[in-house]
Structure formats: structure tokens, C-alpha cells
Protein backbone atom coordinates (compact mmCIF):
# COMPACT_ATOMS: atom_id res chain seq x y z
CA UNK A 1 -45.94 -26.83 -50.07
CA UNK A 2 -45.50 -23.47 -51.54
CA UNK A 3 -49.35 -23.15 -52.28
CA UNK A 4 -49.90 -24.34 -48.04
CA UNK A 5 -47.71 -21.76 -46.87
CA UNK A 6 -49.54 -19.13 -48.84
CA UNK A 7 -52.53 -20.29 -47.77
CA UNK A 8 -52.00 -20.28 -44.23
CA UNK A 9 -50.66 -16.66 -44.39
CA UNK A 10 -53.42 -15.48 -46.53
CA UNK A 11 -55.85 -16.83 -43.72
CA UNK A 12 -53.69 -15.16 -40.82
CA UNK A 13 -53.78 -11.74 -42.67
CA UNK A 14 -57.38 -11.53 -43.46
CA UNK A 15 -57.87 -12.36 -39.83
CA UNK A 16 -56.13 -9.82 -38.63
CA UNK A 17 -56.85 -7.58 -40.56
CA UNK A 18 -60.68 -7.89 -39.93
CA UNK A 19 -59.88 -7.22 -35.80
CA UNK A 20 -57.11 -4.11 -37.45
CA UNK A 21 -60.38 -2.67 -39.19
CA UNK A 22 -62.72 -3.53 -35.65
CA UNK A 23 -60.42 -1.59 -33.89
CA UNK A 24 -60.34 1.23 -34.97
CA UNK A 25 -64.27 2.17 -34.26
CA UNK A 26 -63.73 0.68 -30.46
CA UNK A 27 -60.38 2.29 -29.35
CA UNK A 28 -61.53 5.53 -28.39
CA UNK A 29 -59.68 8.57 -27.19
CA UNK A 30 -60.68 9.91 -23.60
CA UNK A 31 -64.03 12.85 -24.10
CA UNK A 32 -63.80 15.71 -23.34
CA UNK A 33 -64.84 17.23 -20.28
CA UNK A 34 -67.00 20.06 -19.35
CA UNK A 35 -66.22 22.84 -17.20
CA UNK A 36 -69.00 22.10 -14.59
CA UNK A 37 -67.58 18.42 -14.14
CA UNK A 38 -65.06 19.34 -11.82
CA UNK A 39 -67.20 21.20 -9.37
CA UNK A 40 -69.40 17.90 -8.67
CA UNK A 41 -67.02 15.50 -7.78
CA UNK A 42 -63.28 15.51 -7.82
CA UNK A 43 -61.79 12.35 -6.18
CA UNK A 44 -58.00 12.66 -4.84
CA UNK A 45 -55.59 11.73 -7.17
CA UNK A 46 -51.82 10.59 -6.71
CA UNK A 47 -49.48 10.52 -9.92
CA UNK A 48 -47.10 8.58 -9.16
CA UNK A 49 -43.62 8.26 -11.14
CA UNK A 50 -40.48 5.78 -10.78
CA UNK A 51 -37.86 6.81 -12.35
CA UNK A 52 -34.32 5.60 -12.38
CA UNK A 53 -31.26 6.96 -14.87
CA UNK A 54 -34.19 9.40 -16.76
CA UNK A 55 -32.04 12.84 -16.36
CA UNK A 56 -32.94 13.26 -19.93
CA UNK A 57 -36.99 12.77 -19.35
CA UNK A 58 -37.90 13.83 -16.23
CA UNK A 59 -38.27 17.47 -15.77
CA UNK A 60 -40.61 17.58 -18.83
CA UNK A 61 -42.67 14.48 -17.25
CA UNK A 62 -42.45 16.49 -14.16
CA UNK A 63 -43.31 20.16 -14.94
CA UNK A 64 -46.65 18.38 -17.18
CA UNK A 65 -47.73 16.69 -13.74
CA UNK A 66 -47.76 19.92 -11.91
CA UNK A 67 -49.95 21.01 -15.20
CA UNK A 68 -53.02 19.50 -14.59
CA UNK A 69 -55.89 21.26 -14.84
CA UNK A 70 -57.21 19.28 -11.78
CA UNK A 71 -57.93 20.48 -8.25
CA UNK A 72 -57.34 17.76 -6.19
CA UNK A 73 -53.91 16.08 -7.23
CA UNK A 74 -50.52 15.28 -5.98
CA UNK A 75 -47.44 14.04 -7.53
CA UNK A 76 -44.98 11.21 -5.81
CA UNK A 77 -41.65 10.67 -7.84
CA UNK A 78 -39.19 7.92 -6.77
CA UNK A 79 -35.62 8.22 -7.25
CA UNK A 80 -34.84 4.48 -8.14
CA UNK A 81 -31.37 4.49 -6.99
CA UNK A 82 -30.50 6.27 -10.14
CA UNK A 83 -26.58 6.69 -11.33
CA UNK A 84 -26.79 9.77 -13.27
CA UNK A 85 -28.69 13.32 -12.55
CA UNK A 86 -32.39 12.08 -12.13
CA UNK A 87 -32.06 12.46 -8.14
CA UNK A 88 -31.01 16.17 -8.53
CA UNK A 89 -33.73 17.11 -10.98
CA UNK A 90 -36.10 15.81 -8.84
CA UNK A 91 -34.89 17.05 -5.51
CA UNK A 92 -34.55 20.80 -7.15
CA UNK A 93 -38.49 20.39 -8.57
CA UNK A 94 -39.31 18.91 -5.18
CA UNK A 95 -38.15 22.51 -3.58
CA UNK A 96 -39.41 24.39 -6.16
CA UNK A 97 -43.17 22.67 -5.70
CA UNK A 98 -43.30 21.47 -2.63
CA UNK A 99 -47.19 21.85 -2.19
CA UNK A 100 -47.42 20.13 -5.52
CA UNK A 101 -44.68 17.47 -5.65
CA UNK A 102 -43.13 15.03 -3.15
CA UNK A 103 -39.64 13.00 -3.75
CA UNK A 104 -38.92 9.55 -2.75
CA UNK A 105 -36.02 7.86 -2.41
CA UNK A 106 -36.33 4.62 -3.07
CA UNK A 107 -34.96 1.79 -0.76
CA UNK A 108 -32.65 -1.13 -1.70
CA UNK A 109 -34.68 -3.60 -3.97
CA UNK A 110 -35.70 -7.43 -2.16
CA UNK A 111 -34.10 -10.28 -3.91
CA UNK A 112 -37.62 -11.69 -5.10
CA UNK A 113 -38.92 -8.04 -6.20
CA UNK A 114 -38.11 -7.03 -9.66
CA UNK A 115 -37.36 -2.94 -9.99
CA UNK A 116 -40.27 -1.55 -11.55
CA UNK A 117 -43.06 -3.37 -9.38
CA UNK A 118 -40.43 -2.26 -6.14
CA UNK A 119 -40.92 1.30 -7.01
CA UNK A 120 -44.38 1.84 -7.83
CA UNK A 121 -45.10 0.14 -4.88
CA UNK A 122 -42.90 2.20 -2.24
CA UNK A 123 -45.28 5.07 -4.63
CA UNK A 124 -48.63 3.39 -3.92
CA UNK A 125 -47.88 3.33 0.11
CA UNK A 126 -46.08 6.46 0.14
CA UNK A 127 -49.50 8.34 -1.80
CA UNK A 128 -52.50 9.30 0.11
CA UNK A 129 -54.85 9.83 -3.06
CA UNK A 130 -58.05 8.00 -3.79
CA UNK A 131 -57.00 7.45 -7.09
CA UNK A 132 -53.19 6.29 -8.11
CA UNK A 133 -51.82 7.08 -11.68
CA UNK A 134 -48.90 5.17 -12.47
CA UNK A 135 -47.04 7.19 -15.32
CA UNK A 136 -43.17 6.15 -16.75
CA UNK A 137 -40.71 9.22 -16.51
CA UNK A 138 -40.72 9.29 -20.47
CA UNK A 139 -43.96 10.27 -20.57
CA UNK A 140 -45.70 13.66 -20.46
CA UNK A 141 -49.30 14.22 -20.47
CA UNK A 142 -51.50 17.66 -21.59
CA UNK A 143 -52.81 20.10 -18.94
CA UNK A 144 -56.33 18.56 -18.99
CA UNK A 145 -55.23 14.46 -18.99
CA UNK A 146 -56.68 13.66 -15.30
CA UNK A 147 -59.43 15.30 -15.92
CA UNK A 148 -60.44 13.38 -18.92
CA UNK A 149 -59.14 10.21 -16.99
CA UNK A 150 -60.89 10.46 -13.93
CA UNK A 151 -64.34 11.70 -16.09
CA UNK A 152 -64.08 8.54 -18.04
CA UNK A 153 -63.31 5.86 -14.90
CA UNK A 154 -66.64 7.07 -13.79
CA UNK A 155 -68.53 7.55 -16.99
CA UNK A 156 -68.13 3.90 -17.57
CA UNK A 157 -67.63 2.78 -13.87
CA UNK A 158 -63.84 1.03 -14.67
CA UNK A 159 -61.29 0.48 -11.46
CA UNK A 160 -58.81 0.85 -13.99
CA UNK A 161 -57.90 2.61 -17.30
CA UNK A 162 -54.75 2.28 -19.27
CA UNK A 163 -53.70 5.06 -22.41
CA UNK A 164 -51.71 3.89 -25.22
CA UNK A 165 -49.73 6.90 -25.64
CA UNK A 166 -48.51 9.48 -28.53
CA UNK A 167 -45.10 7.53 -28.97
CA UNK A 168 -42.49 9.61 -30.74
CA UNK A 169 -40.15 8.57 -33.07
CA UNK A 170 -37.21 10.53 -33.67
CA UNK A 171 -34.45 7.77 -35.31
CA UNK A 172 -34.94 5.22 -38.00
CA UNK A 173 -35.28 2.25 -36.72
CA UNK A 174 -37.91 3.89 -33.40
CA UNK A 175 -39.82 4.43 -36.54
CA UNK A 176 -39.67 1.10 -38.26
CA UNK A 177 -39.71 -1.14 -35.21
CA UNK A 178 -42.25 0.83 -32.22
CA UNK A 179 -45.05 0.96 -34.94
CA UNK A 180 -45.51 -3.19 -35.09
CA UNK A 181 -46.02 -3.06 -31.71
CA UNK A 182 -49.24 -1.56 -32.14
CA UNK A 183 -49.83 -4.06 -34.93
CA UNK A 184 -49.36 -6.78 -32.93
CA UNK A 185 -52.00 -5.50 -30.53
CA UNK A 186 -54.56 -4.72 -32.46
CA UNK A 187 -54.53 -7.19 -34.77
CA UNK A 188 -54.51 -9.72 -32.48
CA UNK A 189 -56.95 -8.49 -29.48
CA UNK A 190 -60.41 -7.42 -30.38
CA UNK A 191 -60.71 -4.40 -28.12
CA UNK A 192 -64.52 -4.21 -27.31
CA UNK A 193 -63.55 -7.25 -24.85
CA UNK A 194 -61.62 -5.75 -22.97
CA UNK A 195 -64.07 -4.23 -21.47
CA UNK A 196 -66.76 -6.74 -21.60
CA UNK A 197 -66.23 -10.48 -22.09
CA UNK A 198 -67.64 -11.73 -25.95
CA UNK A 199 -71.22 -12.21 -25.63
CA UNK A 200 -70.89 -15.13 -27.87
CA UNK A 201 -68.83 -17.18 -25.02
CA UNK A 202 -70.99 -19.37 -22.44
CA UNK A 203 -71.99 -17.17 -19.31
CA UNK A 204 -69.99 -19.34 -17.20
CA UNK A 205 -66.95 -19.15 -19.17
CA UNK A 206 -66.59 -15.46 -19.47
CA UNK A 207 -64.89 -14.98 -15.94
CA UNK A 208 -62.20 -17.29 -15.93
CA UNK A 209 -61.77 -16.09 -19.65
CA UNK A 210 -61.78 -12.78 -19.31
CA UNK A 211 -58.02 -12.31 -18.53
CA UNK A 212 -57.10 -13.71 -21.85
CA UNK A 213 -58.26 -10.16 -23.18
CA UNK A 214 -56.72 -7.78 -21.57
CA UNK A 215 -53.84 -5.21 -22.58
CA UNK A 216 -52.07 -2.94 -20.69
CA UNK A 217 -49.32 -0.29 -21.43
CA UNK A 218 -47.47 0.64 -18.46
CA UNK A 219 -46.38 4.29 -19.26
CA UNK A 220 -50.14 5.23 -18.31
CA UNK A 221 -51.84 3.16 -16.09
CA UNK A 222 -54.58 4.41 -13.45
CA UNK A 223 -56.75 2.61 -10.70
CA UNK A 224 -59.20 2.81 -8.11
CA UNK A 225 -57.38 2.69 -4.86
CA UNK A 226 -60.19 0.16 -3.39
CA UNK A 227 -59.36 -2.40 -6.32
CA UNK A 228 -55.63 -1.50 -6.42
CA UNK A 229 -55.49 -2.74 -3.03
CA UNK A 230 -58.33 -5.47 -3.23
CA UNK A 231 -55.53 -7.75 -5.94
CA UNK A 232 -52.72 -6.82 -3.52
CA UNK A 233 -51.01 -4.00 -5.63
CA UNK A 234 -47.70 -4.61 -6.65
CA UNK A 235 -46.92 -7.36 -4.34
CA UNK A 236 -49.07 -9.65 -6.58
CA UNK A 237 -46.66 -8.77 -9.72
CA UNK A 238 -43.54 -8.40 -8.21
CA UNK A 239 -41.42 -10.74 -9.82
CA UNK A 240 -43.00 -10.11 -13.14
CA UNK A 241 -41.24 -8.50 -15.89
CA UNK A 242 -44.41 -7.53 -17.39
CA UNK A 243 -45.97 -6.20 -14.59
CA UNK A 244 -48.78 -3.75 -16.54
CA UNK A 245 -50.11 -6.58 -18.02
CA UNK A 246 -50.30 -8.99 -14.83
CA UNK A 247 -51.84 -6.35 -12.92
CA UNK A 248 -54.63 -5.27 -15.76
CA UNK A 249 -55.03 -9.68 -15.64
CA UNK A 250 -55.23 -9.39 -11.86
CA UNK A 251 -57.89 -6.75 -12.10
CA UNK A 252 -59.82 -9.02 -14.60
CA UNK A 253 -59.48 -12.13 -12.35
CA UNK A 254 -60.79 -10.72 -9.36
CA UNK A 255 -63.94 -9.41 -10.88
CA UNK A 256 -63.08 -5.56 -11.51
CA UNK A 257 -63.42 -3.74 -14.70
CA UNK A 258 -60.88 -2.08 -17.02
CA UNK A 259 -60.99 -0.32 -20.02
CA UNK A 260 -58.05 0.96 -22.50
CA UNK A 261 -57.95 4.12 -24.51
CA UNK A 262 -55.96 6.24 -27.33
CA UNK A 263 -54.16 8.39 -25.53
CA UNK A 264 -53.14 10.40 -28.61
CA UNK A 265 -54.51 13.79 -27.74
CA UNK A 266 -53.77 12.80 -23.76
CA UNK A 267 -50.15 11.68 -23.20
CA UNK A 268 -46.76 11.53 -24.89
CA UNK A 269 -43.83 9.11 -24.70
CA UNK A 270 -40.33 8.43 -26.60
CA UNK A 271 -39.42 5.22 -25.00
CA UNK A 272 -36.15 5.25 -26.80
CA UNK A 273 -33.58 7.43 -27.60
CA UNK A 274 -31.33 4.72 -29.47
CA UNK A 275 -30.64 1.28 -31.15
CA UNK A 276 -28.89 -0.26 -28.09
CA UNK A 277 -32.19 1.49 -25.90
CA UNK A 278 -34.25 -0.36 -28.47
CA UNK A 279 -33.08 -3.85 -29.06
CA UNK A 280 -32.19 -4.03 -25.07
CA UNK A 281 -35.50 -2.84 -24.02
CA UNK A 282 -37.25 -4.79 -26.11
CA UNK A 283 -35.24 -7.83 -25.78
CA UNK A 284 -36.55 -7.74 -21.54
CA UNK A 285 -39.89 -8.04 -22.58
CA UNK A 286 -40.03 -9.88 -25.72
CA UNK A 287 -40.29 -13.92 -24.37
CA UNK A 288 -42.42 -12.33 -21.05
CA UNK A 289 -45.51 -11.22 -23.69
CA UNK A 290 -45.35 -15.01 -24.70
CA UNK A 291 -45.37 -15.87 -21.01
CA UNK A 292 -41.86 -17.62 -21.25
CA UNK A 293 -43.83 -20.89 -23.56
CA UNK A 294 -40.74 -21.67 -25.79
CA UNK A 295 -42.98 -23.65 -27.77
CA UNK A 296 -45.48 -20.83 -28.46
CA UNK A 297 -42.58 -17.97 -28.87
CA UNK A 298 -41.23 -20.46 -31.97
CA UNK A 299 -44.19 -20.91 -34.02
CA UNK A 300 -45.74 -17.20 -33.61
CA UNK A 301 -42.20 -16.81 -35.45
CA UNK A 302 -42.57 -19.01 -37.90
CA UNK A 303 -46.06 -17.67 -38.38
CA UNK A 304 -44.99 -13.71 -38.68
CA UNK A 305 -42.17 -15.07 -40.93
CA UNK A 306 -44.49 -17.03 -43.21
CA UNK A 307 -47.12 -14.47 -43.32
CA UNK A 308 -44.95 -10.68 -43.43
CA UNK A 309 -41.57 -11.87 -45.48
CA UNK A 310 -42.72 -15.06 -47.11
CA UNK A 311 -44.92 -13.78 -49.75
CA UNK A 312 -42.69 -10.75 -50.19
CA UNK A 313 -39.33 -12.96 -50.88
CA UNK A 314 -41.22 -14.76 -53.20
CA UNK A 315 -42.35 -12.14 -55.68
CA UNK A 316 -38.93 -11.79 -57.45
CA UNK A 317 -39.34 -15.21 -58.19
CA UNK A 318 -42.31 -15.46 -59.68
CA UNK A 319 -43.16 -12.37 -61.19
CA UNK A 320 -41.12 -13.52 -64.58
CA UNK A 321 -44.24 -15.79 -64.53
CA UNK A 322 -46.70 -15.23 -67.84
CA UNK A 323 -49.73 -15.78 -67.68
CA UNK A 324 -49.81 -15.23 -63.92
CA UNK A 325 -49.49 -17.81 -61.82
CA UNK A 326 -52.32 -19.20 -58.92
CA UNK A 327 -49.05 -18.96 -56.60
CA UNK A 328 -48.20 -15.59 -57.90
CA UNK A 329 -51.68 -14.30 -57.50
CA UNK A 330 -51.53 -15.34 -53.51
CA UNK A 331 -48.45 -14.13 -52.94
CA UNK A 332 -49.33 -10.27 -54.83
CA UNK A 333 -52.75 -10.80 -52.50
CA UNK A 334 -50.77 -11.13 -49.43
CA UNK A 335 -48.36 -8.55 -50.25
CA UNK A 336 -50.92 -6.09 -50.26
CA UNK A 337 -52.60 -7.19 -47.02
CA UNK A 338 -49.21 -6.92 -45.30
CA UNK A 339 -48.65 -3.13 -46.74
CA UNK A 340 -52.31 -2.42 -46.07
CA UNK A 341 -51.60 -3.18 -42.35
CA UNK A 342 -48.60 -1.30 -41.61
CA UNK A 343 -49.99 2.10 -43.87
CA UNK A 344 -53.40 2.02 -41.74
CA UNK A 345 -51.45 1.80 -38.38
CA UNK A 346 -49.02 4.77 -39.39
CA UNK A 347 -51.84 6.38 -40.98
CA UNK A 348 -54.08 5.82 -37.83
CA UNK A 349 -51.59 7.05 -35.08
CA UNK A 350 -49.90 9.41 -37.73
CA UNK A 351 -46.29 7.99 -38.15
CA UNK A 352 -44.52 8.72 -41.47
CA UNK A 353 -45.56 6.23 -43.68
CA UNK A 354 -43.04 6.34 -45.78
CA UNK A 355 -41.46 4.06 -43.33
CA UNK A 356 -44.48 1.28 -44.01
CA UNK A 357 -42.47 0.76 -47.04
CA UNK A 358 -39.63 -0.81 -45.39
CA UNK A 359 -42.34 -3.31 -43.17
CA UNK A 360 -40.43 -6.30 -43.75
CA UNK A 361 -36.81 -5.56 -42.40
CA UNK A 362 -39.15 -4.18 -39.29
CA UNK A 363 -40.17 -7.81 -38.66
CA UNK A 364 -36.65 -9.41 -39.91
CA UNK A 365 -35.17 -7.37 -36.99
CA UNK A 366 -37.77 -9.22 -34.71
CA UNK A 367 -37.21 -12.35 -36.34
CA UNK A 368 -33.18 -11.53 -35.12
CA UNK A 369 -34.62 -10.23 -31.60
CA UNK A 370 -36.34 -13.50 -31.18
CA UNK A 371 -33.50 -15.15 -31.96
CA UNK A 372 -31.19 -13.51 -29.00
CA UNK A 373 -33.98 -14.33 -26.92
CA UNK A 374 -34.23 -18.17 -27.28
CA UNK A 375 -30.27 -17.93 -27.31
CA UNK A 376 -30.54 -15.90 -23.34
CA UNK A 377 -33.54 -18.09 -22.92
CA UNK A 378 -31.07 -21.18 -23.33
CA UNK A 379 -27.91 -19.82 -21.78
CA UNK A 380 -29.86 -18.54 -18.74
CA UNK A 381 -28.72 -15.54 -19.19
CA UNK A 382 -30.07 -12.43 -17.47
CA UNK A 383 -31.38 -8.98 -19.13
CA UNK A 384 -30.54 -5.95 -18.01
CA UNK A 385 -32.27 -2.40 -17.92
CA UNK A 386 -31.38 0.77 -16.75
CA UNK A 387 -27.65 -0.86 -15.62
CA UNK A 388 -29.23 -3.25 -13.10
CA UNK A 389 -30.22 -6.96 -14.12
CA UNK A 390 -33.86 -7.74 -13.56
């Protein structure tokens, strides 16, 4: 039985490692743009920023937005009924830069909407640009980010472009846990299929299965307004916890085009500033990422346990064996792949590689989070975020 579990772990790790290596070449940054581009084409861009209780981030976010070197851009920021100083900071900046910032006071959330989709829909309705760029309040862009984004959308003929930001990791648990989000993404989703469906699929299956090969990061999503309106905007995902992924799937389902890019040199983000924020922030999203499918959720948790923890736990009990047993060899190979993946991810995204040594601790953290989410599900306990129930 032990060998069977190790064979499963080793097969899973080999497959996910291959996907990871392929993604390194496919997941590209936005290309630089020549100075002449802006003279030829500059569609109007509306930067839309929803903000709720973001007093620590919103000033930095807005200052970066108004420093964009793109000639035809305006920033709309919505205070989503914040309980801290967010509204005052927004009002002060909008007063200082009236030609660049429009401040919006969020309306009460309807009962059948979640908070962020409702805020984003209000921003879309208030804005006027041909391009809608939704950015979270805890992100900040480099001055040429909008220019590179618009150029890439035109070059690659995209209706939706999403960037995965350069995540700023400061605390111990940020360094332990956040990289696992990127590892899960880039070891499971072949990036090349986000833009074009697999050629090995029969043609009649490519469009219906296209939404399966989809990921998006709500921290930075840019839509052509025509495509956004065509899918119903945030109305179409008004009660979806992972509204970013749901929007991307609606884009694919409707026959529009999208792609995702490495935002390391374009946009930075610090999602969470404490372990409590980290726990509750991922707690609200974790089960939604599995489509609220309990069987799939439990199966994946078990698969990750036997793939990322079980081989390492076995090593102390098997290492006394001499000569080497086949079981020990399997456990060693699996452990080497585990650490290869984590070191590779940390090196790729320029995170501290020292923390890769504690990789099993991060996996165990997610296992505990999974148990918490299952408890929430069984007790029908609602999730809270930013002081408001989802």
C-alpha cells in the first residue's frame, strides 16, 4: 500500500513538474513599447479601482495610477462604504487631481450581489473609456503599465488581458503561503491554452471546453468595453466569490479572446499584511476555487497530502534501511521533485528561496485551512471580509 501511494505521488509530481517547466517559457511579461506607438493609437482607458477599508494602500495605488505615461487615461475610484479613512484619502486626492481622478461613493449593496462585483459594476457604469482596467486598491502600477497593456491587447487581438502581479511578501506566513498559490496555478494550468485551445482537442470540443483552460487575476484585469458589455459585465457574476475567474470564463464561453501575462515588471501587490488577513482572505476563496464541489475538494486535499507531505514524512522512518529499499528510493525521488518545484517557483518570481525549505509547513497550513472551510460548509457559516459578510 505504501508503494502504491508513492507511485501516485511520483506520477502526479512528474506531470505537474512538466507543466511547470513548459509554463516558464509560455508565461511572458508584457513587451516594451516604442515611443511612436502612442502617436498611432491610444484608445481611451478607464482605470477602475474599488476600495473598501484600504487606508493603508489607496494613496499609493492612486498615485501610481495618475503617473501613467499613457495619454488618454482617467482613474475612477469607488469608496465601498469604508469604515476607516479610505473615503477621506480618496476625496483629498480627487480634489488635488480633479482632471485625473473621479471619486465615487458606493451605493448600498443589493442582497443578491457580493461586494466586489457590485463595486466594479458601479465603476464600469460611471466610466467612459473604450478600455476598462480593473485594479485592486492594494496594487500599484509602473508608469508604463497601461501603455504596455494596450499595446499587447492590440498586438495579440485580445478582449481581456490579465496580469499576475509581483507579489510583495514581507511576513513569515506571506512567504510561506502566497507562493503556493502561484505553484498551484503553474503546475496545473498550461498557460499556452489560455489564449488558444489545445489543438489536440477535436474542433467541435474546443469552444465548449475553452473555459476549462482559464485563469485570471482580479488584481489586474483589462477588458475591451464591447466585450465586457456583451457578457453582461459584473452582472453576470454578481454572486460569484471568484468573480475574476468567472468573468474570464464568460469571455471564453462567449467566443471572445483572452490571455494572461507575467506582471513582475508592470504591477506590484501586497494582498495581506497579517496572518489573520491571510487566513480569512484565503478562507473566503478556497472552496470557491473548487466550484463548491465537496468531493473534488476532499480528493484534491488527499492528493496533495500524499504528494507533498507523505513522502517527506516517510523519510525518517525509511532512512535507516541499508541497502536502500525501493520504497525509500521512491520517497527520495518524490521529495526531490517537491523541493524542485518550490525552489523553481521562488526563483522564477524572485521570492526568498530559503523559505522553500519549509514547503511542507505551507502545505500543512492549507490542509488546516481546508478543514476550516469544510467546517464552515457543514455549519453553513458565512465568510466575512473587510468587515462585511460575503
